[in-house]
Amino acid sequence: EPYRRTPTPLGLQTMIRSFVRKVARKPVMKMPVRTNMIGKKAPEVSAMACMPDNSFQEISLSDYKGKPVVLYFYPADFTFVCSSEVPGFAALNEEFEKLGAQLIGCSTDTHHVHKAWKNASSELGGLADFDINHPLIGDFKGEVSEAFDVRMNGDFDPLPCRAVFVIDDDGTVMAEHRNADPLGRNTKEALRTVQALLEHKKTGRVVPADWTPGADTLETTTEAVDEYLKKLKAKK
């Protein structure tokens, strides 16, 4: 006898149809589209932070209006690459202060965890051997990370990626750098970026690749570019 399919019970048919309709109505999940913040005003955010003296204080970006701000995000306290980056930024804080710039770190740990991390020994993965001399925001609600669109996988991951924002004294985002989780940042590049920003504001000239303080800047003319490129070629 030819193969004959057993009829599906009416109740099961109804369940299947209902499931198919629900799936058809469900919106397709889309990967997040990253926001380009260059040239835009930084979002106004407020959050609790662990301060250099280990006190807790609510801070806002507007507290530092009138000075450049370097805001860096990192995934988590008591982790691996982060344990090298935060002391690395702290080691440059005196240089940032000389430029009139404010350094701020941020992760989605609480401010209490920041304090514990700062006071724990290196045997426990802590930073007690270092002077963490700038505020660390405890973005445990994820609001600051969301405002700057730095979650590793958008809404699907609460941890921020390794992002750095250089914000001008009027609140405009002038530079944004992002690294993948395994890749630690060159903290000195954040300092160089602030130096370049201040040089541009002082002189009105643009800053070429690999510029360091004291090196040539450029007028925005073809003649200036020609002269610069000839000097560059002569150095090789």
Foldseek 3Di string as FASTA:
>chain_A
DDDDDDDDDPVVVVVVVVVVVVVVPDDDDDFDDADDQAQHFQDWDWFWWQALVRDIDIDIPVVLQQAKEKEWEAFDFLDDLVLVQQLVLQVCVVVCVVRVYAYEYEWQAANVVVSVQCCDDVVSSHNVVGRSHHIYGNNVVLPSCLSNVQAPGGPVHSTGFGKIFIAHSNRGTNDMDTDGNVDHDDSVVSVQVSVQVVVCVVPVFHADPPDGPPDDTADPDPVRVVVVVVVVVVVD
